[in-house]
Amino acid sequence: QDALDAALESIGGDDAMPQAQFSNSNDADYEEIIYGDKTSFYDRLKEQMDMMSLNGEQHEVMEYLIGSLDDDGLLRKDLDTISDELAIYHNIDVSAIEIGDILKMLQSMDPAGIGARSLQECLLLQVQRMREDDRESANIRLLDAMETLFNNYFEEFTKKHWDKIQMQMMLNDTQIDT
């Protein structure tokens, strides 16, 4: 009976919240306990969306686009399919061109590359954001090279054919290592 009582008292002891240890010492180091961010990726995008000037229809389309993103933040559906789905399931008649305009607004959100329809587009959107954020930097040549690489040599890039990229872009060893 005593062993059972002792076992029952100790159950849940490991699950208890850590107790703070207080000291009167002024130079004591205190640890801050962080329990994690409870805001989801979807919620962060919706917060950014709510700060934009969108009419009712644009808001609904943007929300649908956000809900259509995959776990990587990519939009894998084509815009015509999204147009059809919005018409059928939400009674919203919007063209693929209008959806494309709203998608550009989504792609202006953080993180850079959100809403891209492929890895290539995602990387190009990130380079574009870096260019916008760093307009007066000496990195312009690097950003130009990255944009050329992703636009013209993406297949070689994905296959890690560095020698082909180096030869075609006329880069030296230091540049290709960068």
N, C-alpha and C. Protein backbone atom coordinates (compact mmCIF):
# COMPACT_ATOMS: atom_id res chain seq x y z
N GLN A 1 0.82 -1.19 0.00
CA GLN A 1 0.00 0.00 0.00
C GLN A 1 0.86 1.25 0.00
N ASP A 2 1.95 1.28 0.81
CA ASP A 2 2.84 2.44 0.86
C ASP A 2 3.53 2.65 -0.48
N ALA A 3 3.96 1.59 -1.15
CA ALA A 3 4.61 1.70 -2.45
C ALA A 3 3.64 2.26 -3.50
N LEU A 4 2.39 1.81 -3.44
CA LEU A 4 1.38 2.30 -4.37
C LEU A 4 1.11 3.78 -4.13
N ASP A 5 0.98 4.20 -2.87
CA ASP A 5 0.77 5.61 -2.55
C ASP A 5 1.94 6.47 -3.03
N ALA A 6 3.16 6.00 -2.85
CA ALA A 6 4.35 6.74 -3.29
C ALA A 6 4.38 6.87 -4.80
N ALA A 7 4.00 5.81 -5.50
CA ALA A 7 3.98 5.83 -6.96
C ALA A 7 2.91 6.80 -7.46
N LEU A 8 1.74 6.81 -6.83
CA LEU A 8 0.67 7.72 -7.24
C LEU A 8 1.04 9.18 -6.99
N GLU A 9 1.77 9.45 -5.94
CA GLU A 9 2.19 10.81 -5.64
C GLU A 9 3.21 11.32 -6.66
N SER A 10 4.04 10.43 -7.17
CA SER A 10 5.07 10.86 -8.10
C SER A 10 4.58 10.97 -9.55
N ILE A 11 3.38 10.42 -9.84
CA ILE A 11 2.85 10.52 -11.20
C ILE A 11 2.57 11.98 -11.53
N GLY A 12 3.03 12.38 -12.66
CA GLY A 12 2.82 13.76 -13.11
C GLY A 12 3.86 14.72 -12.58
N GLY A 13 4.74 14.26 -11.75
CA GLY A 13 5.78 15.13 -11.21
C GLY A 13 6.70 15.64 -12.31
N ASP A 14 6.97 14.82 -13.33
CA ASP A 14 7.83 15.24 -14.42
C ASP A 14 7.13 16.21 -15.35
N ASP A 15 5.80 16.20 -15.36
CA ASP A 15 5.04 17.06 -16.27
C ASP A 15 4.78 18.44 -15.69
N ALA A 16 5.11 18.66 -14.45
CA ALA A 16 4.80 19.93 -13.81
C ALA A 16 5.61 21.05 -14.43
N MET A 17 5.06 22.25 -14.38
CA MET A 17 5.77 23.43 -14.89
C MET A 17 6.98 23.68 -14.01
N PRO A 18 8.07 24.14 -14.59
CA PRO A 18 9.25 24.41 -13.79
C PRO A 18 8.96 25.53 -12.79
N GLN A 19 9.44 25.36 -11.60
CA GLN A 19 9.25 26.36 -10.56
C GLN A 19 10.41 27.34 -10.61
N ALA A 20 10.09 28.62 -10.51
CA ALA A 20 11.13 29.65 -10.54
C ALA A 20 11.87 29.65 -9.22
N GLN A 21 13.15 29.79 -9.28
CA GLN A 21 13.99 29.90 -8.10
C GLN A 21 14.33 31.38 -7.93
N PHE A 22 13.95 31.97 -6.84
CA PHE A 22 14.20 33.39 -6.63
C PHE A 22 15.36 33.56 -5.67
N SER A 23 16.13 34.55 -5.96
CA SER A 23 17.30 34.83 -5.15
C SER A 23 17.36 36.32 -4.86
N ASN A 24 17.93 36.68 -3.75
CA ASN A 24 18.08 38.09 -3.41
C ASN A 24 19.32 38.69 -4.05
N SER A 25 20.11 37.87 -4.72
CA SER A 25 21.34 38.35 -5.32
C SER A 25 21.03 39.21 -6.54
N ASN A 26 21.67 40.39 -6.60
CA ASN A 26 21.44 41.30 -7.73
C ASN A 26 22.11 40.84 -9.01
N ASP A 27 23.16 40.04 -8.93
CA ASP A 27 23.88 39.64 -10.13
C ASP A 27 23.51 38.22 -10.58
N ALA A 28 22.42 37.72 -10.09
CA ALA A 28 22.00 36.36 -10.48
C ALA A 28 21.54 36.36 -11.94
N ASP A 29 21.88 35.30 -12.65
CA ASP A 29 21.43 35.13 -14.02
C ASP A 29 20.10 34.39 -14.01
N TYR A 30 19.10 34.97 -14.64
CA TYR A 30 17.80 34.33 -14.72
C TYR A 30 17.57 33.87 -16.15
N GLU A 31 17.06 32.67 -16.28
CA GLU A 31 16.74 32.13 -17.61
C GLU A 31 15.31 32.47 -17.94
N GLU A 32 15.12 32.89 -19.19
CA GLU A 32 13.78 33.14 -19.68
C GLU A 32 13.28 31.89 -20.37
N ILE A 33 12.11 31.44 -20.00
CA ILE A 33 11.55 30.23 -20.59
C ILE A 33 10.62 30.65 -21.71
N ILE A 34 10.90 30.16 -22.91
CA ILE A 34 10.07 30.47 -24.07
C ILE A 34 9.33 29.20 -24.44
N TYR A 35 8.03 29.29 -24.52
CA TYR A 35 7.21 28.11 -24.77
C TYR A 35 6.80 27.96 -26.22
N GLY A 36 7.23 28.84 -27.10
CA GLY A 36 6.93 28.67 -28.52
C GLY A 36 5.92 29.69 -29.01
N ASP A 37 5.97 29.88 -30.30
CA ASP A 37 5.07 30.82 -30.96
C ASP A 37 3.80 30.09 -31.34
N LYS A 38 2.68 30.60 -30.95
CA LYS A 38 1.41 29.94 -31.22
C LYS A 38 0.73 30.48 -32.47
N THR A 39 1.35 31.45 -33.15
CA THR A 39 0.78 32.00 -34.36
C THR A 39 1.19 31.13 -35.54
N SER A 40 0.22 30.62 -36.27
CA SER A 40 0.52 29.74 -37.40
C SER A 40 0.98 30.56 -38.60
N PHE A 41 1.58 29.87 -39.55
CA PHE A 41 2.02 30.47 -40.80
C PHE A 41 0.82 31.11 -41.51
N TYR A 42 -0.28 30.40 -41.55
CA TYR A 42 -1.52 30.88 -42.16
C TYR A 42 -1.98 32.17 -41.47
N ASP A 43 -1.94 32.19 -40.15
CA ASP A 43 -2.37 33.37 -39.39
C ASP A 43 -1.47 34.57 -39.65
N ARG A 44 -0.17 34.34 -39.78
CA ARG A 44 0.75 35.44 -40.08
C ARG A 44 0.46 36.05 -41.44
N LEU A 45 0.17 35.20 -42.41
CA LEU A 45 -0.17 35.71 -43.74
C LEU A 45 -1.48 36.48 -43.70
N LYS A 46 -2.46 35.98 -42.94
CA LYS A 46 -3.74 36.68 -42.83
C LYS A 46 -3.56 38.03 -42.15
N GLU A 47 -2.67 38.12 -41.16
CA GLU A 47 -2.39 39.40 -40.50
C GLU A 47 -1.82 40.40 -41.51
N GLN A 48 -0.90 39.93 -42.36
CA GLN A 48 -0.34 40.81 -43.38
C GLN A 48 -1.41 41.21 -44.40
N MET A 49 -2.27 40.27 -44.75
CA MET A 49 -3.35 40.54 -45.69
C MET A 49 -4.28 41.62 -45.13
N ASP A 50 -4.57 41.54 -43.84
CA ASP A 50 -5.48 42.50 -43.23
C ASP A 50 -4.91 43.92 -43.20
N MET A 51 -3.61 44.06 -43.37
CA MET A 51 -2.99 45.39 -43.41
C MET A 51 -2.99 45.97 -44.82
N MET A 52 -3.44 45.20 -45.81
CA MET A 52 -3.50 45.68 -47.19
C MET A 52 -4.86 46.31 -47.47
N SER A 53 -4.87 47.18 -48.45
CA SER A 53 -6.13 47.80 -48.88
C SER A 53 -6.76 46.93 -49.96
N LEU A 54 -7.63 46.04 -49.54
CA LEU A 54 -8.30 45.12 -50.46
C LEU A 54 -9.80 45.32 -50.38
N ASN A 55 -10.47 45.24 -51.53
CA ASN A 55 -11.93 45.25 -51.48
C ASN A 55 -12.41 43.86 -51.06
N GLY A 56 -13.70 43.70 -50.88
CA GLY A 56 -14.24 42.43 -50.37
C GLY A 56 -13.88 41.23 -51.23
N GLU A 57 -14.02 41.38 -52.55
CA GLU A 57 -13.72 40.26 -53.45
C GLU A 57 -12.23 39.93 -53.43
N GLN A 58 -11.38 40.95 -53.47
CA GLN A 58 -9.94 40.72 -53.41
C GLN A 58 -9.55 40.03 -52.11
N HIS A 59 -10.18 40.44 -51.02
CA HIS A 59 -9.91 39.83 -49.72
C HIS A 59 -10.24 38.33 -49.74
N GLU A 60 -11.39 37.99 -50.30
CA GLU A 60 -11.80 36.58 -50.37
C GLU A 60 -10.85 35.78 -51.27
N VAL A 61 -10.46 36.36 -52.40
CA VAL A 61 -9.54 35.67 -53.30
C VAL A 61 -8.19 35.48 -52.63
N MET A 62 -7.69 36.52 -51.96
CA MET A 62 -6.40 36.43 -51.26
C MET A 62 -6.46 35.35 -50.19
N GLU A 63 -7.54 35.32 -49.44
CA GLU A 63 -7.69 34.31 -48.40
C GLU A 63 -7.71 32.91 -49.02
N TYR A 64 -8.35 32.76 -50.17
CA TYR A 64 -8.38 31.47 -50.87
C TYR A 64 -6.98 31.09 -51.34
N LEU A 65 -6.24 32.06 -51.86
CA LEU A 65 -4.87 31.78 -52.30
C LEU A 65 -4.00 31.34 -51.12
N ILE A 66 -4.13 32.02 -50.01
CA ILE A 66 -3.35 31.65 -48.81
C ILE A 66 -3.71 30.23 -48.38
N GLY A 67 -4.99 29.90 -48.42
CA GLY A 67 -5.42 28.56 -48.05
C GLY A 67 -4.99 27.50 -49.06
N SER A 68 -4.64 27.91 -50.27
CA SER A 68 -4.22 26.97 -51.31
C SER A 68 -2.72 26.72 -51.32
N LEU A 69 -1.97 27.43 -50.49
CA LEU A 69 -0.52 27.23 -50.45
C LEU A 69 -0.20 25.87 -49.84
N ASP A 70 0.86 25.24 -50.34
CA ASP A 70 1.28 23.98 -49.75
C ASP A 70 2.16 24.27 -48.53
N ASP A 71 2.68 23.22 -47.91
CA ASP A 71 3.47 23.38 -46.69
C ASP A 71 4.75 24.18 -46.92
N ASP A 72 5.22 24.25 -48.17
CA ASP A 72 6.43 25.00 -48.50
C ASP A 72 6.12 26.45 -48.86
N GLY A 73 4.84 26.82 -48.86
CA GLY A 73 4.46 28.18 -49.21
C GLY A 73 4.32 28.39 -50.70
N LEU A 74 4.32 27.30 -51.47
CA LEU A 74 4.19 27.39 -52.92
C LEU A 74 2.73 27.21 -53.32
N LEU A 75 2.35 27.85 -54.42
CA LEU A 75 1.02 27.70 -54.98
C LEU A 75 1.13 26.72 -56.14
N ARG A 76 0.67 25.50 -55.94
CA ARG A 76 0.83 24.44 -56.94
C ARG A 76 -0.30 24.38 -57.95
N LYS A 77 -1.39 25.11 -57.71
CA LYS A 77 -2.52 25.10 -58.64
C LYS A 77 -2.32 26.21 -59.67
N ASP A 78 -2.79 25.96 -60.91
CA ASP A 78 -2.72 27.03 -61.90
C ASP A 78 -3.89 27.99 -61.67
N LEU A 79 -3.74 29.19 -62.18
CA LEU A 79 -4.71 30.26 -61.91
C LEU A 79 -6.08 29.99 -62.53
N ASP A 80 -6.12 29.29 -63.66
CA ASP A 80 -7.41 28.94 -64.26
C ASP A 80 -8.19 27.98 -63.36
N THR A 81 -7.49 27.03 -62.76
CA THR A 81 -8.13 26.09 -61.83
C THR A 81 -8.69 26.83 -60.61
N ILE A 82 -7.90 27.76 -60.10
CA ILE A 82 -8.35 28.55 -58.95
C ILE A 82 -9.57 29.38 -59.32
N SER A 83 -9.56 29.95 -60.53
CA SER A 83 -10.71 30.72 -61.00
C SER A 83 -11.96 29.85 -61.04
N ASP A 84 -11.82 28.63 -61.56
CA ASP A 84 -12.95 27.70 -61.61
C ASP A 84 -13.43 27.33 -60.21
N GLU A 85 -12.50 27.04 -59.31
CA GLU A 85 -12.87 26.66 -57.94
C GLU A 85 -13.60 27.80 -57.23
N LEU A 86 -13.11 29.02 -57.41
CA LEU A 86 -13.76 30.16 -56.77
C LEU A 86 -15.18 30.34 -57.31
N ALA A 87 -15.37 30.12 -58.60
CA ALA A 87 -16.71 30.27 -59.19
C ALA A 87 -17.65 29.18 -58.70
N ILE A 88 -17.16 27.95 -58.64
CA ILE A 88 -18.01 26.82 -58.28
C ILE A 88 -18.31 26.79 -56.78
N TYR A 89 -17.27 26.91 -55.97
CA TYR A 89 -17.44 26.69 -54.53
C TYR A 89 -17.73 27.96 -53.73
N HIS A 90 -17.38 29.13 -54.28
CA HIS A 90 -17.54 30.36 -53.51
C HIS A 90 -18.36 31.42 -54.23
N ASN A 91 -18.85 31.07 -55.41
CA ASN A 91 -19.67 31.99 -56.20
C ASN A 91 -18.97 33.33 -56.43
N ILE A 92 -17.66 33.25 -56.70
CA ILE A 92 -16.87 34.44 -56.99
C ILE A 92 -16.40 34.33 -58.43
N ASP A 93 -16.85 35.26 -59.26
CA ASP A 93 -16.49 35.25 -60.68
C ASP A 93 -15.29 36.17 -60.88
N VAL A 94 -14.12 35.60 -60.95
CA VAL A 94 -12.89 36.36 -61.10
C VAL A 94 -12.01 35.65 -62.13
N SER A 95 -11.37 36.44 -63.00
CA SER A 95 -10.55 35.86 -64.06
C SER A 95 -9.17 35.46 -63.54
N ALA A 96 -8.51 34.65 -64.32
CA ALA A 96 -7.15 34.23 -63.96
C ALA A 96 -6.21 35.45 -63.92
N ILE A 97 -6.46 36.43 -64.76
CA ILE A 97 -5.63 37.65 -64.77
C ILE A 97 -5.81 38.42 -63.47
N GLU A 98 -7.06 38.54 -63.01
CA GLU A 98 -7.32 39.23 -61.74
C GLU A 98 -6.70 38.46 -60.57
N ILE A 99 -6.78 37.14 -60.63
CA ILE A 99 -6.15 36.32 -59.59
C ILE A 99 -4.64 36.53 -59.61
N GLY A 100 -4.07 36.64 -60.80
CA GLY A 100 -2.63 36.89 -60.93
C GLY A 100 -2.22 38.20 -60.28
N ASP A 101 -3.06 39.23 -60.43
CA ASP A 101 -2.78 40.52 -59.78
C ASP A 101 -2.81 40.39 -58.26
N ILE A 102 -3.76 39.64 -57.75
CA ILE A 102 -3.86 39.43 -56.31
C ILE A 102 -2.70 38.55 -55.83
N LEU A 103 -2.31 37.59 -56.65
CA LEU A 103 -1.16 36.75 -56.31
C LEU A 103 0.11 37.59 -56.17
N LYS A 104 0.27 38.60 -57.02
CA LYS A 104 1.44 39.49 -56.90
C LYS A 104 1.44 40.20 -55.56
N MET A 105 0.25 40.58 -55.08
CA MET A 105 0.15 41.19 -53.74
C MET A 105 0.58 40.19 -52.67
N LEU A 106 0.13 38.94 -52.82
CA LEU A 106 0.53 37.89 -51.87
C LEU A 106 2.04 37.71 -51.90
N GLN A 107 2.61 37.73 -53.09
CA GLN A 107 4.05 37.52 -53.23
C GLN A 107 4.87 38.69 -52.67
N SER A 108 4.23 39.81 -52.39
CA SER A 108 4.93 40.93 -51.77
C SER A 108 5.02 40.77 -50.25
N MET A 109 4.33 39.77 -49.71
CA MET A 109 4.32 39.53 -48.26
C MET A 109 5.60 38.81 -47.84
N ASP A 110 5.75 38.71 -46.54
CA ASP A 110 6.87 37.96 -45.97
C ASP A 110 6.40 36.57 -45.61
N PRO A 111 7.25 35.61 -45.78
CA PRO A 111 8.64 35.66 -46.24
C PRO A 111 8.74 35.81 -47.74
N ALA A 112 9.88 36.31 -48.18
CA ALA A 112 10.13 36.47 -49.62
C ALA A 112 10.02 35.11 -50.29
N GLY A 113 9.31 35.07 -51.40
CA GLY A 113 9.14 33.82 -52.14
C GLY A 113 7.79 33.17 -51.90
N ILE A 114 7.02 33.70 -50.96
CA ILE A 114 5.71 33.12 -50.67
C ILE A 114 4.81 33.24 -51.89
N GLY A 115 4.03 32.22 -52.17
CA GLY A 115 3.09 32.26 -53.28
C GLY A 115 3.71 31.96 -54.63
N ALA A 116 4.99 31.61 -54.65
CA ALA A 116 5.62 31.24 -55.92
C ALA A 116 5.00 29.94 -56.42
N ARG A 117 5.04 29.75 -57.72
CA ARG A 117 4.44 28.55 -58.30
C ARG A 117 5.46 27.47 -58.61
N SER A 118 6.73 27.77 -58.35
CA SER A 118 7.80 26.79 -58.55
C SER A 118 9.01 27.23 -57.71
N LEU A 119 9.95 26.32 -57.56
CA LEU A 119 11.18 26.67 -56.84
C LEU A 119 11.92 27.78 -57.58
N GLN A 120 11.94 27.72 -58.90
CA GLN A 120 12.60 28.74 -59.70
C GLN A 120 11.99 30.12 -59.43
N GLU A 121 10.66 30.20 -59.48
CA GLU A 121 10.00 31.48 -59.22
C GLU A 121 10.26 31.93 -57.78
N CYS A 122 10.29 31.01 -56.85
CA CYS A 122 10.55 31.34 -55.45
C CYS A 122 11.93 31.99 -55.30
N LEU A 123 12.93 31.40 -55.93
CA LEU A 123 14.29 31.96 -55.85
C LEU A 123 14.36 33.32 -56.53
N LEU A 124 13.69 33.47 -57.67
CA LEU A 124 13.69 34.76 -58.35
C LEU A 124 12.99 35.84 -57.52
N LEU A 125 11.90 35.47 -56.85
CA LEU A 125 11.22 36.42 -55.97
C LEU A 125 12.13 36.84 -54.80
N GLN A 126 12.92 35.91 -54.30
CA GLN A 126 13.83 36.23 -53.20
C GLN A 126 14.94 37.18 -53.68
N VAL A 127 15.45 36.93 -54.88
CA VAL A 127 16.47 37.82 -55.44
C VAL A 127 15.88 39.22 -55.66
N GLN A 128 14.67 39.27 -56.17
CA GLN A 128 13.98 40.55 -56.39
C GLN A 128 13.83 41.29 -55.06
N ARG A 129 13.43 40.59 -54.01
CA ARG A 129 13.28 41.23 -52.69
C ARG A 129 14.62 41.73 -52.17
N MET A 130 15.67 40.94 -52.38
CA MET A 130 17.00 41.38 -51.95
C MET A 130 17.41 42.63 -52.71
N ARG A 131 17.07 42.69 -53.98
CA ARG A 131 17.39 43.85 -54.80
C ARG A 131 16.64 45.08 -54.28
N GLU A 132 15.37 44.92 -53.93
CA GLU A 132 14.57 46.03 -53.41
C GLU A 132 15.07 46.50 -52.05
N ASP A 133 15.51 45.57 -51.22
CA ASP A 133 15.97 45.90 -49.88
C ASP A 133 17.37 46.50 -49.87
N ASP A 134 18.15 46.26 -50.92
CA ASP A 134 19.57 46.62 -50.92
C ASP A 134 19.91 47.38 -52.20
N ARG A 135 19.18 48.43 -52.49
CA ARG A 135 19.29 49.16 -53.77
C ARG A 135 20.65 49.80 -53.99
N GLU A 136 21.30 50.25 -52.94
CA GLU A 136 22.53 51.02 -53.10
C GLU A 136 23.77 50.22 -52.78
N SER A 137 23.66 48.93 -52.76
CA SER A 137 24.77 48.09 -52.35
C SER A 137 25.66 47.72 -53.53
N ALA A 138 26.85 47.28 -53.18
CA ALA A 138 27.78 46.78 -54.19
C ALA A 138 27.39 45.36 -54.61
N ASN A 139 26.35 44.80 -54.02
CA ASN A 139 25.92 43.44 -54.34
C ASN A 139 25.08 43.37 -55.61
N ILE A 140 24.92 44.47 -56.30
CA ILE A 140 24.09 44.49 -57.51
C ILE A 140 24.60 43.48 -58.53
N ARG A 141 25.90 43.40 -58.72
CA ARG A 141 26.46 42.44 -59.68
C ARG A 141 26.17 41.00 -59.26
N LEU A 142 26.25 40.74 -57.97
CA LEU A 142 25.94 39.40 -57.47
C LEU A 142 24.46 39.08 -57.70
N LEU A 143 23.59 40.03 -57.42
CA LEU A 143 22.16 39.83 -57.64
C LEU A 143 21.85 39.64 -59.12
N ASP A 144 22.53 40.39 -59.98
CA ASP A 144 22.36 40.22 -61.43
C ASP A 144 22.78 38.81 -61.84
N ALA A 145 23.90 38.35 -61.30
CA ALA A 145 24.38 37.00 -61.64
C ALA A 145 23.42 35.93 -61.13
N MET A 146 22.87 36.12 -59.95
CA MET A 146 21.91 35.16 -59.41
C MET A 146 20.65 35.13 -60.27
N GLU A 147 20.18 36.30 -60.68
CA GLU A 147 19.00 36.36 -61.52
C GLU A 147 19.24 35.68 -62.87
N THR A 148 20.40 35.92 -63.46
CA THR A 148 20.76 35.26 -64.72
C THR A 148 20.83 33.75 -64.53
N LEU A 149 21.44 33.33 -63.44
CA LEU A 149 21.55 31.91 -63.14
C LEU A 149 20.18 31.26 -63.04
N PHE A 150 19.27 31.85 -62.26
CA PHE A 150 17.95 31.26 -62.06
C PHE A 150 17.07 31.34 -63.29
N ASN A 151 17.26 32.37 -64.10
CA ASN A 151 16.47 32.51 -65.33
C ASN A 151 16.97 31.61 -66.46
N ASN A 152 18.29 31.54 -66.63
CA ASN A 152 18.84 30.90 -67.81
C ASN A 152 19.50 29.54 -67.58
N TYR A 153 19.90 29.27 -66.35
CA TYR A 153 20.64 28.03 -66.08
C TYR A 153 20.05 27.27 -64.89
N PHE A 154 18.75 27.35 -64.74
CA PHE A 154 18.11 26.74 -63.57
C PHE A 154 18.27 25.23 -63.56
N GLU A 155 18.12 24.59 -64.70
CA GLU A 155 18.26 23.13 -64.76
C GLU A 155 19.67 22.71 -64.36
N GLU A 156 20.67 23.42 -64.86
CA GLU A 156 22.05 23.12 -64.47
C GLU A 156 22.26 23.35 -62.98
N PHE A 157 21.63 24.41 -62.46
CA PHE A 157 21.71 24.73 -61.04
C PHE A 157 21.14 23.60 -60.19
N THR A 158 19.95 23.10 -60.56
CA THR A 158 19.32 22.04 -59.76
C THR A 158 20.10 20.74 -59.83
N LYS A 159 20.84 20.53 -60.92
CA LYS A 159 21.64 19.32 -61.07
C LYS A 159 23.08 19.51 -60.58
N LYS A 160 23.36 20.72 -60.08
CA LYS A 160 24.68 21.05 -59.53
C LYS A 160 25.79 20.89 -60.57
N HIS A 161 25.51 21.28 -61.78
CA HIS A 161 26.51 21.25 -62.85
C HIS A 161 27.28 22.57 -62.83
N TRP A 162 28.09 22.73 -61.77
CA TRP A 162 28.80 23.98 -61.55
C TRP A 162 29.77 24.29 -62.68
N ASP A 163 30.41 23.26 -63.24
CA ASP A 163 31.37 23.49 -64.32
C ASP A 163 30.68 24.08 -65.55
N LYS A 164 29.50 23.58 -65.89
CA LYS A 164 28.75 24.12 -67.04
C LYS A 164 28.32 25.55 -66.77
N ILE A 165 27.84 25.80 -65.57
CA ILE A 165 27.41 27.16 -65.20
C ILE A 165 28.60 28.11 -65.27
N GLN A 166 29.72 27.67 -64.73
CA GLN A 166 30.92 28.50 -64.71
C GLN A 166 31.36 28.85 -66.13
N MET A 167 31.35 27.87 -67.02
CA MET A 167 31.78 28.09 -68.39
C MET A 167 30.78 29.00 -69.13
N GLN A 168 29.47 28.72 -69.00
CA GLN A 168 28.46 29.48 -69.75
C GLN A 168 28.32 30.92 -69.24
N MET A 169 28.51 31.11 -67.94
CA MET A 169 28.38 32.46 -67.39
C MET A 169 29.73 33.18 -67.32
N MET A 170 30.79 32.49 -67.74
CA MET A 170 32.15 33.03 -67.73
C MET A 170 32.55 33.53 -66.34
N LEU A 171 32.41 32.64 -65.35
CA LEU A 171 32.75 32.96 -63.97
C LEU A 171 34.09 32.35 -63.62
N ASN A 172 34.84 33.01 -62.73
CA ASN A 172 36.09 32.42 -62.27
C ASN A 172 35.79 31.50 -61.08
N ASP A 173 36.79 30.81 -60.59
CA ASP A 173 36.61 29.85 -59.50
C ASP A 173 36.06 30.50 -58.24
N THR A 174 36.52 31.69 -57.93
CA THR A 174 36.04 32.39 -56.73
C THR A 174 34.56 32.74 -56.88
N GLN A 175 34.18 33.20 -58.05
CA GLN A 175 32.79 33.58 -58.27
C GLN A 175 31.86 32.38 -58.19
N ILE A 176 32.28 31.25 -58.73
CA ILE A 176 31.42 30.07 -58.72
C ILE A 176 31.30 29.50 -57.30
N ASP A 177 32.33 29.68 -56.49
CA ASP A 177 32.28 29.21 -55.10
C ASP A 177 31.36 30.08 -54.25
N THR A 178 31.16 31.33 -54.68
CA THR A 178 30.31 32.23 -53.93
C THR A 178 28.88 31.85 -54.13
